[in-house]
């Protein structure tokens, strides 16, 4: 995930028309529905191959959803939200990957963020932290208030070493999450320790 978060030199601006994206998304959705219908109809005759076809279509659907998330313009409306509430929301999403606890003494500070966008962001982070169906070691979310830098950091760290994910879906989920956090004035980055999944930094409310 760190390579996905750090490489910036080859970024380019691309003009995107929302109406065109909506048309493409609608057309792709209809095509996937027809493919799913055909796959279900053929499953009985294909046996295990039919099940693999259904799985491949589901994977393709998730990847396309992430791709549309990455390129679709997002309207962000930030407002003050308590750091404790955000830590609990992040923990709830990550619990699908294993045991998660919030470190004691969360600073009584508010963060500027869009709750709707942040909810989607945390779901994407959970996907990016996945390890091919295997549960990661117990996780801890530590909340740190950098008063000098006016940032609040949510550090997600594990009790043991975590192998980096190399799946295309995990990398794309991390990229979409990074984009959504940046739109809220924050930053998503990997930590230079093998026990840390990521750090979410968001602006503190004044």
C-alpha atoms as a PDB file:
ATOM      1  CA  UNK A   1       0.000   0.000   0.000  1.00  0.00           C
ATOM      2  CA  UNK A   2       2.899   2.370   0.657  1.00  0.00           C
ATOM      3  CA  UNK A   3       3.915   2.443  -3.013  1.00  0.00           C
ATOM      4  CA  UNK A   4       0.347   3.282  -3.932  1.00  0.00           C
ATOM      5  CA  UNK A   5       0.285   6.153  -1.446  1.00  0.00           C
ATOM      6  CA  UNK A   6       3.702   7.662  -2.151  1.00  0.00           C
ATOM      7  CA  UNK A   7       4.102   7.722  -5.934  1.00  0.00           C
ATOM      8  CA  UNK A   8       3.160  11.183  -7.234  1.00  0.00           C
ATOM      9  CA  UNK A   9       5.515  12.002 -10.104  1.00  0.00           C
ATOM     10  CA  UNK A  10       3.394  10.474 -12.879  1.00  0.00           C
ATOM     11  CA  UNK A  11       0.033  12.018 -11.931  1.00  0.00           C
ATOM     12  CA  UNK A  12      -1.874  13.836 -14.688  1.00  0.00           C
ATOM     13  CA  UNK A  13      -5.049  15.896 -14.704  1.00  0.00           C
ATOM     14  CA  UNK A  14      -7.920  14.417 -16.720  1.00  0.00           C
ATOM     15  CA  UNK A  15     -11.152  16.247 -17.604  1.00  0.00           C
ATOM     16  CA  UNK A  16     -14.177  14.190 -16.566  1.00  0.00           C
ATOM     17  CA  UNK A  17     -17.818  14.900 -17.430  1.00  0.00           C
ATOM     18  CA  UNK A  18     -20.180  13.562 -14.747  1.00  0.00           C
ATOM     19  CA  UNK A  19     -22.989  12.951 -17.249  1.00  0.00           C
ATOM     20  CA  UNK A  20     -20.714  10.748 -19.368  1.00  0.00           C
ATOM     21  CA  UNK A  21     -19.605   8.819 -16.285  1.00  0.00           C
ATOM     22  CA  UNK A  22     -23.235   8.268 -15.295  1.00  0.00           C
ATOM     23  CA  UNK A  23     -24.052   6.907 -18.755  1.00  0.00           C
ATOM     24  CA  UNK A  24     -21.032   4.589 -18.732  1.00  0.00           C
ATOM     25  CA  UNK A  25     -21.796   3.365 -15.209  1.00  0.00           C
ATOM     26  CA  UNK A  26     -25.407   2.666 -16.181  1.00  0.00           C
ATOM     27  CA  UNK A  27     -24.371   0.793 -19.326  1.00  0.00           C
ATOM     28  CA  UNK A  28     -21.763  -1.281 -17.468  1.00  0.00           C
ATOM     29  CA  UNK A  29     -24.286  -2.071 -14.745  1.00  0.00           C
ATOM     30  CA  UNK A  30     -26.795  -3.367 -17.298  1.00  0.00           C
ATOM     31  CA  UNK A  31     -24.116  -5.476 -18.992  1.00  0.00           C
ATOM     32  CA  UNK A  32     -23.030  -7.006 -15.678  1.00  0.00           C
ATOM     33  CA  UNK A  33     -26.639  -7.850 -14.825  1.00  0.00           C
ATOM     34  CA  UNK A  34     -27.002  -9.726 -18.119  1.00  0.00           C
ATOM     35  CA  UNK A  35     -23.711 -11.550 -17.543  1.00  0.00           C
ATOM     36  CA  UNK A  36     -24.764 -12.546 -14.024  1.00  0.00           C
ATOM     37  CA  UNK A  37     -28.081 -13.836 -15.386  1.00  0.00           C
ATOM     38  CA  UNK A  38     -26.326 -15.905 -18.063  1.00  0.00           C
ATOM     39  CA  UNK A  39     -23.826 -17.245 -15.532  1.00  0.00           C
ATOM     40  CA  UNK A  40     -26.612 -18.295 -13.134  1.00  0.00           C
ATOM     41  CA  UNK A  41     -28.473 -20.018 -15.967  1.00  0.00           C
ATOM     42  CA  UNK A  42     -25.341 -21.898 -17.001  1.00  0.00           C
ATOM     43  CA  UNK A  43     -24.140 -22.821 -13.507  1.00  0.00           C
ATOM     44  CA  UNK A  44     -26.049 -26.117 -13.436  1.00  0.00           C
ATOM     45  CA  UNK A  45     -24.343 -27.391 -16.552  1.00  0.00           C
ATOM     46  CA  UNK A  46     -20.898 -25.997 -15.823  1.00  0.00           C
ATOM     47  CA  UNK A  47     -20.540 -27.252 -12.255  1.00  0.00           C
ATOM     48  CA  UNK A  48     -17.427 -25.900 -10.532  1.00  0.00           C
ATOM     49  CA  UNK A  49     -16.558 -23.839 -13.609  1.00  0.00           C
ATOM     50  CA  UNK A  50     -19.897 -22.051 -13.294  1.00  0.00           C
ATOM     51  CA  UNK A  51     -19.162 -21.149  -9.680  1.00  0.00           C
ATOM     52  CA  UNK A  52     -15.755 -19.801 -10.679  1.00  0.00           C
ATOM     53  CA  UNK A  53     -17.411 -17.755 -13.419  1.00  0.00           C
ATOM     54  CA  UNK A  54     -19.813 -16.242 -10.872  1.00  0.00           C
ATOM     55  CA  UNK A  55     -16.901 -15.416  -8.591  1.00  0.00           C
ATOM     56  CA  UNK A  56     -14.936 -13.813 -11.415  1.00  0.00           C
ATOM     57  CA  UNK A  57     -17.928 -11.648 -12.355  1.00  0.00           C
ATOM     58  CA  UNK A  58     -18.311 -10.528  -8.738  1.00  0.00           C
ATOM     59  CA  UNK A  59     -14.617  -9.604  -8.599  1.00  0.00           C
ATOM     60  CA  UNK A  60     -14.947  -7.668 -11.856  1.00  0.00           C
ATOM     61  CA  UNK A  61     -17.991  -5.824 -10.505  1.00  0.00           C
ATOM     62  CA  UNK A  62     -16.108  -4.762  -7.357  1.00  0.00           C
ATOM     63  CA  UNK A  63     -13.102  -3.580  -9.360  1.00  0.00           C
ATOM     64  CA  UNK A  64     -15.288  -1.540 -11.710  1.00  0.00           C
ATOM     65  CA  UNK A  65     -17.083  -0.006  -8.732  1.00  0.00           C
ATOM     66  CA  UNK A  66     -13.721   1.077  -7.291  1.00  0.00           C
ATOM     67  CA  UNK A  67     -12.623   2.458 -10.657  1.00  0.00           C
ATOM     68  CA  UNK A  68     -15.772   4.574 -10.943  1.00  0.00           C
ATOM     69  CA  UNK A  69     -15.248   5.745  -7.353  1.00  0.00           C
ATOM     70  CA  UNK A  70     -11.729   6.816  -8.268  1.00  0.00           C
ATOM     71  CA  UNK A  71     -12.686   8.972 -11.262  1.00  0.00           C
ATOM     72  CA  UNK A  72     -16.132  10.267 -10.237  1.00  0.00           C
ATOM     73  CA  UNK A  73     -16.230  13.862  -8.892  1.00  0.00           C
ATOM     74  CA  UNK A  74     -17.194  14.031  -5.221  1.00  0.00           C
ATOM     75  CA  UNK A  75     -18.896  16.913  -3.433  1.00  0.00           C
ATOM     76  CA  UNK A  76     -17.484  17.269   0.075  1.00  0.00           C
ATOM     77  CA  UNK A  77     -19.142  19.178   2.929  1.00  0.00           C
ATOM     78  CA  UNK A  78     -16.957  19.081   6.026  1.00  0.00           C
ATOM     79  CA  UNK A  79     -18.180  19.796   9.540  1.00  0.00           C
ATOM     80  CA  UNK A  80     -16.778  19.243  13.056  1.00  0.00           C
ATOM     81  CA  UNK A  81     -16.957  15.630  14.256  1.00  0.00           C
ATOM     82  CA  UNK A  82     -15.581  14.227  17.503  1.00  0.00           C
ATOM     83  CA  UNK A  83     -12.359  12.211  17.208  1.00  0.00           C
ATOM     84  CA  UNK A  84     -13.834   9.495  19.470  1.00  0.00           C
ATOM     85  CA  UNK A  85     -16.783   9.037  17.113  1.00  0.00           C
ATOM     86  CA  UNK A  86     -14.498   8.767  14.071  1.00  0.00           C
ATOM     87  CA  UNK A  87     -12.241   6.250  15.831  1.00  0.00           C
ATOM     88  CA  UNK A  88     -15.296   4.111  16.640  1.00  0.00           C
ATOM     89  CA  UNK A  89     -16.516   4.323  13.030  1.00  0.00           C
ATOM     90  CA  UNK A  90     -13.102   3.236  11.699  1.00  0.00           C
ATOM     91  CA  UNK A  91     -12.933   0.403  14.237  1.00  0.00           C
ATOM     92  CA  UNK A  92     -16.391  -0.850  13.217  1.00  0.00           C
ATOM     93  CA  UNK A  93     -15.287  -1.183   9.583  1.00  0.00           C
ATOM     94  CA  UNK A  94     -11.952  -2.823  10.406  1.00  0.00           C
ATOM     95  CA  UNK A  95     -13.560  -5.457  12.652  1.00  0.00           C
ATOM     96  CA  UNK A  96     -14.371  -7.405   9.512  1.00  0.00           C
ATOM     97  CA  UNK A  97     -10.615  -8.111   9.310  1.00  0.00           C
ATOM     98  CA  UNK A  98     -10.119  -9.107  12.954  1.00  0.00           C
ATOM     99  CA  UNK A  99     -10.134  -7.839  16.526  1.00  0.00           C
ATOM    100  CA  UNK A 100      -9.919  -4.045  16.864  1.00  0.00           C
ATOM    101  CA  UNK A 101      -9.511  -1.897  19.953  1.00  0.00           C
ATOM    102  CA  UNK A 102      -9.283   1.859  20.416  1.00  0.00           C
ATOM    103  CA  UNK A 103      -6.344   2.981  22.512  1.00  0.00           C
ATOM    104  CA  UNK A 104      -7.208   4.709  25.764  1.00  0.00           C
ATOM    105  CA  UNK A 105      -7.276   8.477  26.198  1.00  0.00           C
ATOM    106  CA  UNK A 106      -8.635   9.642  22.853  1.00  0.00           C
ATOM    107  CA  UNK A 107      -8.080  13.428  22.748  1.00  0.00           C
ATOM    108  CA  UNK A 108     -11.223  15.484  23.292  1.00  0.00           C
ATOM    109  CA  UNK A 109     -10.851  17.178  19.934  1.00  0.00           C
ATOM    110  CA  UNK A 110     -13.028  17.577  16.855  1.00  0.00           C
ATOM    111  CA  UNK A 111     -12.022  16.857  13.289  1.00  0.00           C
ATOM    112  CA  UNK A 112     -13.200  18.588  10.119  1.00  0.00           C
ATOM    113  CA  UNK A 113     -14.647  15.906   7.838  1.00  0.00           C
ATOM    114  CA  UNK A 114     -17.655  14.871   5.773  1.00  0.00           C
ATOM    115  CA  UNK A 115     -19.369  11.989   7.638  1.00  0.00           C
ATOM    116  CA  UNK A 116     -20.859  10.485   4.472  1.00  0.00           C
ATOM    117  CA  UNK A 117     -17.578  10.550   2.548  1.00  0.00           C
ATOM    118  CA  UNK A 118     -15.607   9.385   5.580  1.00  0.00           C
ATOM    119  CA  UNK A 119     -17.886   6.370   6.053  1.00  0.00           C
ATOM    120  CA  UNK A 120     -17.129   5.271   2.504  1.00  0.00           C
ATOM    121  CA  UNK A 121     -13.431   5.976   3.101  1.00  0.00           C
ATOM    122  CA  UNK A 122     -13.266   3.725   6.154  1.00  0.00           C
ATOM    123  CA  UNK A 123     -15.025   0.917   4.262  1.00  0.00           C
ATOM    124  CA  UNK A 124     -12.399   1.202   1.511  1.00  0.00           C
ATOM    125  CA  UNK A 125      -9.589   1.136   4.080  1.00  0.00           C
ATOM    126  CA  UNK A 126     -11.002  -2.093   5.480  1.00  0.00           C
ATOM    127  CA  UNK A 127     -10.923  -3.561   1.975  1.00  0.00           C
ATOM    128  CA  UNK A 128      -7.359  -2.351   1.453  1.00  0.00           C
ATOM    129  CA  UNK A 129      -6.287  -3.933   4.752  1.00  0.00           C
ATOM    130  CA  UNK A 130      -7.718  -7.316   3.802  1.00  0.00           C
ATOM    131  CA  UNK A 131      -5.300 -10.200   3.412  1.00  0.00           C
ATOM    132  CA  UNK A 132      -7.035 -12.588   0.962  1.00  0.00           C
ATOM    133  CA  UNK A 133      -9.638 -13.666   3.482  1.00  0.00           C
ATOM    134  CA  UNK A 134      -7.115 -14.166   6.302  1.00  0.00           C
ATOM    135  CA  UNK A 135      -7.585 -12.233   9.510  1.00  0.00           C
ATOM    136  CA  UNK A 136      -4.819  -9.831  10.454  1.00  0.00           C
ATOM    137  CA  UNK A 137      -3.369  -9.756  14.000  1.00  0.00           C
ATOM    138  CA  UNK A 138      -5.341  -7.788  16.622  1.00  0.00           C
ATOM    139  CA  UNK A 139      -5.467  -4.104  15.699  1.00  0.00           C
ATOM    140  CA  UNK A 140      -5.256  -0.957  17.793  1.00  0.00           C
ATOM    141  CA  UNK A 141      -6.361   2.515  16.702  1.00  0.00           C
ATOM    142  CA  UNK A 142      -4.380   5.249  18.427  1.00  0.00           C
ATOM    143  CA  UNK A 143      -5.618   8.844  18.107  1.00  0.00           C
ATOM    144  CA  UNK A 144      -2.964  11.562  18.266  1.00  0.00           C
ATOM    145  CA  UNK A 145      -3.585  15.318  18.226  1.00  0.00           C
ATOM    146  CA  UNK A 146      -0.750  17.288  16.672  1.00  0.00           C
ATOM    147  CA  UNK A 147      -1.730  20.701  18.006  1.00  0.00           C
ATOM    148  CA  UNK A 148       1.260  22.411  16.363  1.00  0.00           C
ATOM    149  CA  UNK A 149       0.390  20.999  12.936  1.00  0.00           C
ATOM    150  CA  UNK A 150      -3.357  21.267  13.590  1.00  0.00           C
ATOM    151  CA  UNK A 151      -3.881  17.640  12.566  1.00  0.00           C
ATOM    152  CA  UNK A 152      -5.499  14.634  14.215  1.00  0.00           C
ATOM    153  CA  UNK A 153      -3.935  11.282  13.331  1.00  0.00           C
ATOM    154  CA  UNK A 154      -5.660   7.900  13.492  1.00  0.00           C
ATOM    155  CA  UNK A 155      -2.849   5.326  13.589  1.00  0.00           C
ATOM    156  CA  UNK A 156      -3.923   1.749  12.793  1.00  0.00           C
ATOM    157  CA  UNK A 157      -1.349  -0.678  14.185  1.00  0.00           C
ATOM    158  CA  UNK A 158      -1.278  -4.456  14.632  1.00  0.00           C
ATOM    159  CA  UNK A 159       0.056  -6.664  17.404  1.00  0.00           C
ATOM    160  CA  UNK A 160       2.379  -8.410  14.937  1.00  0.00           C
ATOM    161  CA  UNK A 161       3.981  -8.016  11.515  1.00  0.00           C
ATOM    162  CA  UNK A 162       1.591  -7.613   8.605  1.00  0.00           C
ATOM    163  CA  UNK A 163       2.534  -8.696   5.071  1.00  0.00           C
ATOM    164  CA  UNK A 164       1.819  -6.002   2.488  1.00  0.00           C
ATOM    165  CA  UNK A 165      -1.096  -6.730   0.197  1.00  0.00           C
ATOM    166  CA  UNK A 166      -0.366  -6.939  -3.518  1.00  0.00           C
ATOM    167  CA  UNK A 167      -3.905  -7.423  -4.831  1.00  0.00           C
ATOM    168  CA  UNK A 168      -5.128  -5.009  -7.489  1.00  0.00           C
ATOM    169  CA  UNK A 169      -8.408  -4.589  -5.637  1.00  0.00           C
ATOM    170  CA  UNK A 170      -6.644  -3.724  -2.354  1.00  0.00           C
ATOM    171  CA  UNK A 171      -4.365  -1.205  -4.052  1.00  0.00           C
ATOM    172  CA  UNK A 172      -7.268   0.431  -5.868  1.00  0.00           C
ATOM    173  CA  UNK A 173      -9.316   0.604  -2.663  1.00  0.00           C
ATOM    174  CA  UNK A 174      -6.364   2.338  -0.962  1.00  0.00           C
ATOM    175  CA  UNK A 175      -6.075   4.796  -3.860  1.00  0.00           C
ATOM    176  CA  UNK A 176      -9.773   5.713  -3.685  1.00  0.00           C
ATOM    177  CA  UNK A 177      -9.559   6.099   0.103  1.00  0.00           C
ATOM    178  CA  UNK A 178      -6.519   8.335  -0.283  1.00  0.00           C
ATOM    179  CA  UNK A 179      -8.354  10.534  -2.796  1.00  0.00           C
ATOM    180  CA  UNK A 180     -11.418  10.894  -0.563  1.00  0.00           C
ATOM    181  CA  UNK A 181      -9.300  11.818   2.468  1.00  0.00           C
ATOM    182  CA  UNK A 182      -7.367  14.404   0.457  1.00  0.00           C
ATOM    183  CA  UNK A 183     -10.661  15.979  -0.661  1.00  0.00           C
ATOM    184  CA  UNK A 184     -11.398  16.552   3.030  1.00  0.00           C
ATOM    185  CA  UNK A 185      -8.061  18.299   3.550  1.00  0.00           C
ATOM    186  CA  UNK A 186      -6.395  15.243   5.067  1.00  0.00           C
ATOM    187  CA  UNK A 187      -3.739  12.692   4.194  1.00  0.00           C
ATOM    188  CA  UNK A 188      -3.491   8.899   4.060  1.00  0.00           C
ATOM    189  CA  UNK A 189      -0.068   7.357   4.379  1.00  0.00           C
ATOM    190  CA  UNK A 190       1.667   4.143   5.284  1.00  0.00           C
ATOM    191  CA  UNK A 191       3.867   4.003   8.355  1.00  0.00           C
ATOM    192  CA  UNK A 192       7.531   2.877   8.139  1.00  0.00           C
ATOM    193  CA  UNK A 193       6.850  -0.083  10.458  1.00  0.00           C
ATOM    194  CA  UNK A 194       5.721  -3.558   9.457  1.00  0.00           C
ATOM    195  CA  UNK A 195       3.136  -3.563  12.260  1.00  0.00           C
ATOM    196  CA  UNK A 196       1.227  -0.513  11.016  1.00  0.00           C
ATOM    197  CA  UNK A 197      -1.432  -0.648   8.338  1.00  0.00           C
ATOM    198  CA  UNK A 198      -1.891   3.077   7.759  1.00  0.00           C
ATOM    199  CA  UNK A 199      -2.261   6.524   9.249  1.00  0.00           C
ATOM    200  CA  UNK A 200      -5.281   8.735   8.532  1.00  0.00           C
ATOM    201  CA  UNK A 201      -4.537  12.414   9.197  1.00  0.00           C
ATOM    202  CA  UNK A 202      -7.402  14.924   9.165  1.00  0.00           C
ATOM    203  CA  UNK A 203      -7.511  18.653   9.953  1.00  0.00           C
ATOM    204  CA  UNK A 204      -8.525  19.539  13.504  1.00  0.00           C
ATOM    205  CA  UNK A 205     -11.485  21.855  13.965  1.00  0.00           C
ATOM    206  CA  UNK A 206     -10.484  25.218  15.402  1.00  0.00           C
END
